[in-house]
């Protein structure tokens, strides 16, 4: 007979990690229970059609290359699917992360009832969102060194009205937010460990985030630039050998090449026209003009090309619970305050002409601004500035930038 250890049970219940695990398990089960309560959004039929065509072209193309024959289970040829994709208005949208549900449809010979199709798509979307929450929790715990504070940050995301519901059916904006957070987490891990082993998941996560939306290119650019800057500073401060610099630079080079290769491999529309496709994607999303309607903003219908620069901030404030907004503002003010203090402190050191000493210290402004914790903030700020500078078309509230919400929390 196994003896019951009461003291061990009490110690387990007192541990914060135990309750964190219980929270995530409960939330996951709860999500699977209520997933059927949500209907189909207006974008979902289009997304299914686009992902369906990309999936069919990919498997038929691969089958043709390997066997020189058309795939028997598909009526149309791979050339037909390729021509269809090239003429589609949604050809620039990546749908690779939606393919698992298409594989299920394929196993049923594409005869699965539509109700089941969308139910599985909602389950998959929730799974991605849940995975991002875990990564976000680990990011917050790394930053604050406290499980409770990390959990509060998670609750600010989970309990936000937009995310609580759209985590199931928004397979464009919430899905991108999820992949963005996951890529940031693995980028943070790589920058801290700087190992080949930590590089691989970050490369893969960044490429998938870019597949969902090309704006995620900001992630590898920011993290690779930060690593290069830290290398330069360490070299000036004589704290790194030339051999180690070569190894780190090779990591950066391999990371960028691998990200773009995986991005192309997961985006069938780009096959055979890779460089031109990437250029067209940037051009399309920097000023998206396929939608030319009006959007409601503070009681007025605003034309698509007259959306004010403060549109994102206004909608974020209007749709976020007041207590959450207050906590975010307090956090941002504290962040800016600490940043100003660091600048003032460093200015006195620079005036004393101790440049080499200055760059050799890890607590100087330039080193800290590219530290992993601050890169999370930069990853939140840079997309907002990009949208304002390039005057990107925004509509239906701030959903295109859902991914920025998690970072100020």
Protein backbone atom coordinates (compact mmCIF):
# COMPACT_ATOMS: atom_id res chain seq x y z
CA UNK A 1 0.00 0.00 0.00
CA UNK A 2 1.35 3.47 -0.95
CA UNK A 3 1.68 5.81 2.04
CA UNK A 4 0.00 9.22 1.78
CA UNK A 5 2.43 12.06 2.47
CA UNK A 6 0.38 15.01 3.70
CA UNK A 7 3.40 17.32 4.02
CA UNK A 8 4.41 16.67 0.41
CA UNK A 9 0.88 17.55 -0.76
CA UNK A 10 0.91 20.82 1.22
CA UNK A 11 4.34 21.77 -0.17
CA UNK A 12 3.15 21.07 -3.72
CA UNK A 13 0.02 23.18 -3.30
CA UNK A 14 2.09 26.06 -1.94
CA UNK A 15 4.33 26.19 -5.00
CA UNK A 16 3.46 28.89 -7.53
CA UNK A 17 4.46 26.73 -10.49
CA UNK A 18 1.85 24.15 -9.52
CA UNK A 19 -0.96 26.70 -9.81
CA UNK A 20 0.45 28.09 -13.04
CA UNK A 21 0.29 24.62 -14.56
CA UNK A 22 -3.26 24.18 -13.24
CA UNK A 23 -4.24 27.51 -14.79
CA UNK A 24 -2.93 26.60 -18.25
CA UNK A 25 -4.48 23.13 -18.17
CA UNK A 26 -7.83 24.56 -17.05
CA UNK A 27 -7.79 27.27 -19.70
CA UNK A 28 -6.89 24.78 -22.43
CA UNK A 29 -9.70 22.40 -21.46
CA UNK A 30 -12.13 25.31 -21.13
CA UNK A 31 -11.21 26.48 -24.62
CA UNK A 32 -11.81 23.05 -26.12
CA UNK A 33 -15.20 22.90 -24.41
CA UNK A 34 -16.48 26.28 -25.65
CA UNK A 35 -14.85 26.24 -29.10
CA UNK A 36 -18.12 25.07 -30.66
CA UNK A 37 -19.97 28.11 -29.35
CA UNK A 38 -18.35 30.45 -31.88
CA UNK A 39 -19.50 30.92 -35.46
CA UNK A 40 -17.64 31.65 -38.69
CA UNK A 41 -16.09 35.06 -39.32
CA UNK A 42 -16.33 36.85 -42.68
CA UNK A 43 -12.67 36.14 -43.52
CA UNK A 44 -12.75 32.41 -42.85
CA UNK A 45 -14.33 31.16 -46.13
CA UNK A 46 -11.79 33.20 -48.10
CA UNK A 47 -8.94 31.97 -45.93
CA UNK A 48 -10.06 28.37 -46.39
CA UNK A 49 -10.25 28.82 -50.15
CA UNK A 50 -6.77 30.39 -50.31
CA UNK A 51 -5.20 27.78 -48.03
CA UNK A 52 -6.99 25.02 -49.95
CA UNK A 53 -5.54 26.17 -53.28
CA UNK A 54 -2.04 26.63 -51.86
CA UNK A 55 -2.13 23.20 -50.23
CA UNK A 56 -3.36 21.47 -53.38
CA UNK A 57 -0.76 23.18 -55.55
CA UNK A 58 2.04 22.31 -53.12
CA UNK A 59 1.27 18.61 -52.83
CA UNK A 60 0.52 18.22 -56.56
CA UNK A 61 3.72 20.08 -57.50
CA UNK A 62 5.87 17.99 -55.17
CA UNK A 63 4.22 14.80 -56.44
CA UNK A 64 4.82 15.84 -60.05
CA UNK A 65 8.50 16.67 -59.43
CA UNK A 66 9.06 13.30 -57.77
CA UNK A 67 7.05 11.09 -60.17
CA UNK A 68 6.52 13.20 -63.32
CA UNK A 69 2.82 12.42 -62.92
CA UNK A 70 -0.20 14.35 -61.67
CA UNK A 71 -1.56 13.51 -58.23
CA UNK A 72 -4.41 11.00 -58.75
CA UNK A 73 -6.52 12.25 -55.83
CA UNK A 74 -6.84 15.75 -57.35
CA UNK A 75 -8.91 16.60 -60.41
CA UNK A 76 -6.90 19.66 -61.49
CA UNK A 77 -3.24 19.60 -62.50
CA UNK A 78 -0.48 21.40 -60.58
CA UNK A 79 -0.22 23.91 -63.45
CA UNK A 80 -3.92 24.75 -63.09
CA UNK A 81 -3.49 25.41 -59.37
CA UNK A 82 -0.40 27.51 -60.01
CA UNK A 83 -2.22 29.69 -62.55
CA UNK A 84 -5.16 30.05 -60.16
CA UNK A 85 -2.90 31.24 -57.35
CA UNK A 86 -1.09 33.74 -59.55
CA UNK A 87 -4.43 35.33 -60.48
CA UNK A 88 -5.78 35.40 -56.92
CA UNK A 89 -6.04 38.70 -55.02
CA UNK A 90 -5.02 36.85 -51.85
CA UNK A 91 -1.87 35.27 -53.30
CA UNK A 92 0.39 37.20 -50.94
CA UNK A 93 -1.18 35.71 -47.80
CA UNK A 94 0.65 32.71 -46.38
CA UNK A 95 -1.54 29.91 -45.04
CA UNK A 96 0.98 27.21 -44.14
CA UNK A 97 -0.13 27.02 -40.50
CA UNK A 98 -3.66 26.17 -41.66
CA UNK A 99 -2.51 23.11 -43.60
CA UNK A 100 -2.97 20.57 -40.77
CA UNK A 101 -6.76 20.94 -41.09
CA UNK A 102 -6.46 20.61 -44.88
CA UNK A 103 -4.56 17.37 -44.38
CA UNK A 104 -7.54 16.13 -42.34
CA UNK A 105 -9.85 17.14 -45.19
CA UNK A 106 -7.58 15.37 -47.63
CA UNK A 107 -7.74 12.17 -45.58
CA UNK A 108 -11.52 12.32 -45.91
CA UNK A 109 -11.15 12.84 -49.68
CA UNK A 110 -12.28 16.46 -49.17
CA UNK A 111 -15.74 15.26 -48.12
CA UNK A 112 -15.64 16.35 -44.48
CA UNK A 113 -18.80 18.30 -43.49
CA UNK A 114 -18.22 22.06 -43.42
CA UNK A 115 -19.28 22.25 -39.79
CA UNK A 116 -16.46 19.86 -38.86
CA UNK A 117 -14.01 21.65 -41.13
CA UNK A 118 -14.47 24.97 -39.38
CA UNK A 119 -14.60 23.35 -35.95
CA UNK A 120 -11.17 21.80 -36.56
CA UNK A 121 -9.87 25.10 -37.89
CA UNK A 122 -11.06 26.83 -34.71
CA UNK A 123 -9.41 24.19 -32.54
CA UNK A 124 -6.14 24.64 -34.40
CA UNK A 125 -6.31 28.43 -34.10
CA UNK A 126 -6.91 28.13 -30.37
CA UNK A 127 -3.96 25.74 -30.08
CA UNK A 128 -1.65 28.30 -31.69
CA UNK A 129 -2.95 31.02 -29.40
CA UNK A 130 -2.50 28.78 -26.36
CA UNK A 131 1.09 27.96 -27.40
CA UNK A 132 1.80 31.69 -27.70
CA UNK A 133 0.45 32.26 -24.17
CA UNK A 134 2.96 29.74 -22.81
CA UNK A 135 5.81 31.49 -24.63
CA UNK A 136 4.56 34.87 -23.42
CA UNK A 137 4.42 33.59 -19.83
CA UNK A 138 8.03 32.39 -20.09
CA UNK A 139 9.06 35.79 -21.49
CA UNK A 140 7.38 37.61 -18.61
CA UNK A 141 8.85 35.28 -16.01
CA UNK A 142 12.30 35.80 -17.52
CA UNK A 143 11.75 39.57 -17.31
CA UNK A 144 10.19 39.92 -13.85
CA UNK A 145 11.56 36.78 -12.13
CA UNK A 146 8.14 36.30 -10.54
CA UNK A 147 5.42 33.80 -11.46
CA UNK A 148 2.52 35.92 -10.18
CA UNK A 149 3.50 39.00 -12.20
CA UNK A 150 3.89 36.80 -15.27
CA UNK A 151 0.43 35.34 -14.68
CA UNK A 152 -1.09 38.82 -14.40
CA UNK A 153 0.34 39.61 -17.83
CA UNK A 154 -1.22 36.44 -19.23
CA UNK A 155 -4.59 37.30 -17.71
CA UNK A 156 -4.46 40.75 -19.34
CA UNK A 157 -4.29 38.97 -22.70
CA UNK A 158 -6.72 36.11 -22.02
CA UNK A 159 -9.37 38.35 -20.47
CA UNK A 160 -9.18 41.03 -23.15
CA UNK A 161 -12.59 40.89 -24.92
CA UNK A 162 -11.02 40.80 -28.38
CA UNK A 163 -8.64 37.92 -27.68
CA UNK A 164 -10.98 35.83 -25.54
CA UNK A 165 -13.36 35.33 -28.47
CA UNK A 166 -11.21 35.82 -31.56
CA UNK A 167 -8.63 33.30 -30.36
CA UNK A 168 -10.94 30.69 -31.89
CA UNK A 169 -11.95 32.09 -35.25
CA UNK A 170 -9.57 34.90 -36.25
CA UNK A 171 -7.01 32.94 -38.25
CA UNK A 172 -5.35 36.06 -39.66
CA UNK A 173 -4.77 38.68 -36.96
CA UNK A 174 -4.79 36.54 -33.80
CA UNK A 175 -2.81 33.84 -35.59
CA UNK A 176 -0.19 36.41 -36.56
CA UNK A 177 -0.12 37.73 -33.00
CA UNK A 178 0.52 34.18 -31.77
CA UNK A 179 3.34 33.48 -34.23
CA UNK A 180 4.88 36.90 -33.52
CA UNK A 181 5.01 36.22 -29.77
CA UNK A 182 6.46 32.73 -30.31
CA UNK A 183 9.15 34.11 -32.63
CA UNK A 184 10.01 36.84 -30.10
CA UNK A 185 10.35 34.22 -27.35
CA UNK A 186 12.75 32.05 -29.33
CA UNK A 187 14.64 35.14 -30.49
CA UNK A 188 15.04 36.12 -26.85
CA UNK A 189 16.37 32.65 -26.05
CA UNK A 190 18.86 32.76 -28.92
CA UNK A 191 20.18 36.19 -27.94
CA UNK A 192 20.71 35.02 -24.36
CA UNK A 193 22.31 31.65 -25.17
CA UNK A 194 23.86 32.42 -28.58
CA UNK A 195 24.05 28.73 -29.48
CA UNK A 196 23.31 26.87 -32.71
CA UNK A 197 20.77 24.77 -30.81
CA UNK A 198 18.78 27.85 -29.75
CA UNK A 199 19.11 29.34 -33.24
CA UNK A 200 17.13 26.59 -35.02
CA UNK A 201 13.71 27.06 -33.34
CA UNK A 202 14.00 30.85 -33.68
CA UNK A 203 14.70 30.58 -37.42
CA UNK A 204 11.72 28.28 -37.91
CA UNK A 205 9.39 30.39 -35.75
CA UNK A 206 10.42 33.63 -37.51
CA UNK A 207 9.84 32.12 -40.96
CA UNK A 208 6.36 30.90 -39.97
CA UNK A 209 5.51 34.31 -38.54
CA UNK A 210 6.61 35.89 -41.83
CA UNK A 211 4.52 33.35 -43.71
CA UNK A 212 1.48 34.56 -41.77
CA UNK A 213 2.34 38.22 -42.41
CA UNK A 214 5.52 39.66 -43.93
CA UNK A 215 5.66 42.36 -41.23
CA UNK A 216 7.30 39.72 -39.00
CA UNK A 217 10.52 40.37 -40.92
CA UNK A 218 11.03 43.03 -38.25
CA UNK A 219 11.90 40.25 -35.79
CA UNK A 220 15.03 38.84 -37.49
CA UNK A 221 16.13 42.34 -38.47
CA UNK A 222 15.90 43.62 -34.89
CA UNK A 223 17.51 40.61 -33.22
CA UNK A 224 20.31 40.20 -35.76
CA UNK A 225 21.07 43.94 -35.61
CA UNK A 226 21.15 43.76 -31.81
CA UNK A 227 23.60 40.87 -31.88
CA UNK A 228 25.87 42.71 -34.33
CA UNK A 229 25.81 45.82 -32.14
CA UNK A 230 26.65 43.78 -29.04
CA UNK A 231 29.53 42.18 -30.94
CA UNK A 232 30.88 45.59 -31.92
CA UNK A 233 30.61 46.87 -28.39
CA UNK A 234 32.30 43.79 -26.94
CA UNK A 235 35.10 44.16 -29.49
CA UNK A 236 35.63 47.83 -28.60
CA UNK A 237 35.66 46.90 -24.92
CA UNK A 238 38.17 44.11 -25.72
CA UNK A 239 35.88 41.45 -24.23
CA UNK A 240 35.61 39.11 -27.20
CA UNK A 241 38.04 37.33 -29.50
CA UNK A 242 38.00 37.65 -33.27
CA UNK A 243 37.30 33.92 -33.59
CA UNK A 244 34.12 34.27 -31.53
CA UNK A 245 33.03 37.21 -33.67
CA UNK A 246 33.36 35.07 -36.82
CA UNK A 247 31.24 32.32 -35.23
CA UNK A 248 28.50 34.77 -34.20
CA UNK A 249 28.46 36.48 -37.61
CA UNK A 250 28.14 33.08 -39.30
CA UNK A 251 25.15 32.36 -37.06
CA UNK A 252 23.52 35.61 -38.14
CA UNK A 253 24.21 34.94 -41.82
CA UNK A 254 22.86 31.38 -41.62
CA UNK A 255 19.82 32.58 -39.69
CA UNK A 256 18.82 35.18 -42.28
CA UNK A 257 19.37 32.82 -45.22
CA UNK A 258 17.48 29.98 -43.51
CA UNK A 259 14.54 32.23 -42.60
CA UNK A 260 14.05 33.31 -46.20
CA UNK A 261 14.47 29.74 -47.51
CA UNK A 262 11.84 28.40 -45.10
CA UNK A 263 9.58 31.35 -45.91
CA UNK A 264 9.74 30.51 -49.62
CA UNK A 265 9.27 26.77 -49.01
CA UNK A 266 6.13 27.42 -46.96
CA UNK A 267 4.68 29.86 -49.51
CA UNK A 268 3.88 27.88 -52.70
CA UNK A 269 2.77 31.00 -54.57
CA UNK A 270 6.40 32.14 -54.55
CA UNK A 271 7.79 28.97 -56.14
CA UNK A 272 9.60 29.73 -59.38
CA UNK A 273 9.47 33.51 -58.89
CA UNK A 274 10.99 33.96 -55.44
CA UNK A 275 12.76 37.35 -55.48
CA UNK A 276 10.06 39.12 -57.46
CA UNK A 277 7.38 37.63 -55.20
CA UNK A 278 9.07 38.97 -52.05
CA UNK A 279 9.29 42.43 -53.62
CA UNK A 280 5.60 42.32 -54.57
CA UNK A 281 4.62 41.22 -51.06
CA UNK A 282 6.38 44.23 -49.52
CA UNK A 283 4.82 46.54 -52.07
CA UNK A 284 1.33 45.13 -51.51
CA UNK A 285 1.30 45.21 -47.72
CA UNK A 286 3.07 48.55 -47.33
CA UNK A 287 0.09 50.21 -49.00
CA UNK A 288 -2.79 47.75 -49.28
CA UNK A 289 -5.39 49.21 -51.66
CA UNK A 290 -7.52 46.18 -52.53
CA UNK A 291 -9.96 47.29 -49.84
CA UNK A 292 -11.31 50.84 -50.36
CA UNK A 293 -14.25 51.14 -48.00
CA UNK A 294 -14.88 53.23 -44.90
CA UNK A 295 -14.22 52.44 -41.26
CA UNK A 296 -15.93 53.75 -38.11
CA UNK A 297 -13.69 55.81 -35.85
CA UNK A 298 -15.00 57.87 -32.92
CA UNK A 299 -18.48 58.18 -34.41
CA UNK A 300 -17.39 59.05 -37.94
CA UNK A 301 -17.01 56.96 -41.11
CA UNK A 302 -13.44 57.50 -42.30
CA UNK A 303 -12.45 56.70 -45.94
CA UNK A 304 -9.77 54.03 -46.30
CA UNK A 305 -7.11 56.53 -47.44
CA UNK A 306 -7.83 59.15 -44.76
CA UNK A 307 -7.32 57.11 -41.60
CA UNK A 308 -5.46 59.34 -39.07
CA UNK A 309 -2.07 58.34 -37.63
CA UNK A 310 -3.56 57.87 -34.15
CA UNK A 311 -6.12 55.31 -35.38
CA UNK A 312 -4.35 52.36 -33.70
CA UNK A 313 -3.88 54.13 -30.37
CA UNK A 314 -7.48 55.38 -30.36
CA UNK A 315 -9.02 51.98 -31.04
CA UNK A 316 -6.67 50.23 -28.62
CA UNK A 317 -7.75 52.61 -25.87
CA UNK A 318 -11.46 52.34 -26.75
CA UNK A 319 -11.59 48.52 -26.77
CA UNK A 320 -9.27 47.70 -23.86
CA UNK A 321 -10.61 47.48 -20.27
CA UNK A 322 -9.75 50.63 -18.31
CA UNK A 323 -7.80 48.77 -15.62
CA UNK A 324 -5.64 47.13 -18.28
CA UNK A 325 -5.02 50.46 -20.01
CA UNK A 326 -4.03 52.05 -16.69
CA UNK A 327 -1.52 49.28 -15.94
CA UNK A 328 -0.06 49.56 -19.45
CA UNK A 329 0.37 53.33 -19.15
CA UNK A 330 2.03 53.01 -15.73
CA UNK A 331 4.40 50.37 -17.09
CA UNK A 332 5.33 52.46 -20.14
CA UNK A 333 5.95 55.57 -17.99
CA UNK A 334 8.24 53.60 -15.67
CA UNK A 335 10.08 52.20 -18.68
CA UNK A 336 10.65 55.66 -20.17
CA UNK A 337 11.69 57.04 -16.76
CA UNK A 338 14.36 54.35 -16.33
CA UNK A 339 15.53 54.94 -19.89
CA UNK A 340 15.98 58.68 -19.29
CA UNK A 341 17.90 58.01 -16.07
CA UNK A 342 20.24 55.69 -17.96
CA UNK A 343 20.84 58.32 -20.67
CA UNK A 344 21.66 61.03 -18.10
CA UNK A 345 24.05 58.71 -16.29
CA UNK A 346 25.83 57.67 -19.47
CA UNK A 347 26.17 61.24 -20.73
CA UNK A 348 28.42 62.10 -17.80
CA UNK A 349 30.66 59.12 -18.56
CA UNK A 350 30.95 60.05 -22.26
CA UNK A 351 31.88 63.65 -21.36
CA UNK A 352 34.82 62.33 -19.35
CA UNK A 353 36.20 60.77 -22.61
CA UNK A 354 36.21 57.26 -21.17
CA UNK A 355 34.88 55.80 -24.42
CA UNK A 356 36.63 52.44 -24.25
CA UNK A 357 35.65 52.04 -20.60
CA UNK A 358 32.09 53.09 -21.47
CA UNK A 359 31.63 50.53 -24.23
CA UNK A 360 33.17 47.84 -22.05
CA UNK A 361 30.40 48.13 -19.48
CA UNK A 362 27.19 46.12 -19.74
CA UNK A 363 25.12 48.74 -17.95
CA UNK A 364 25.58 51.49 -20.53
CA UNK A 365 22.69 52.83 -22.57
CA UNK A 366 23.67 51.33 -25.92
CA UNK A 367 24.20 47.87 -24.47
CA UNK A 368 20.98 47.97 -22.47
CA UNK A 369 18.82 49.23 -25.36
CA UNK A 370 19.81 46.12 -27.32
CA UNK A 371 19.46 43.78 -24.36
CA UNK A 372 16.83 41.01 -24.76
CA UNK A 373 14.29 42.68 -22.47
CA UNK A 374 14.41 45.98 -24.36
CA UNK A 375 14.24 44.23 -27.72
CA UNK A 376 10.78 43.03 -26.74
CA UNK A 377 9.75 46.66 -26.34
CA UNK A 378 11.41 47.63 -29.65
CA UNK A 379 9.55 44.76 -31.34
CA UNK A 380 6.33 46.35 -30.07
CA UNK A 381 7.21 49.91 -31.03
CA UNK A 382 8.77 49.32 -34.48
CA UNK A 383 5.59 47.97 -36.18
CA UNK A 384 3.57 50.97 -34.95
CA UNK A 385 6.14 53.37 -36.38
CA UNK A 386 6.26 51.36 -39.63
CA UNK A 387 2.47 51.57 -40.03
CA UNK A 388 2.51 55.34 -39.40
CA UNK A 389 5.51 56.05 -41.66
CA UNK A 390 4.34 53.90 -44.58
CA UNK A 391 0.71 54.98 -44.06
CA UNK A 392 -0.53 51.40 -44.21
CA UNK A 393 -4.25 50.92 -44.79
CA UNK A 394 -6.06 50.01 -41.57
CA UNK A 395 -9.71 49.12 -41.03
CA UNK A 396 -12.02 47.23 -38.68
CA UNK A 397 -10.37 48.66 -35.55
CA UNK A 398 -6.80 47.72 -34.58
CA UNK A 399 -6.99 44.02 -35.47
CA UNK A 400 -4.09 44.25 -37.92
CA UNK A 401 -1.83 45.09 -34.98
CA UNK A 402 -3.23 42.74 -32.36
CA UNK A 403 0.30 41.41 -31.90
CA UNK A 404 1.48 44.68 -30.28
CA UNK A 405 -0.90 44.37 -27.31
CA UNK A 406 1.05 41.72 -25.44
CA UNK A 407 4.32 43.65 -25.26
CA UNK A 408 3.34 46.71 -23.20
CA UNK A 409 1.70 44.38 -20.67
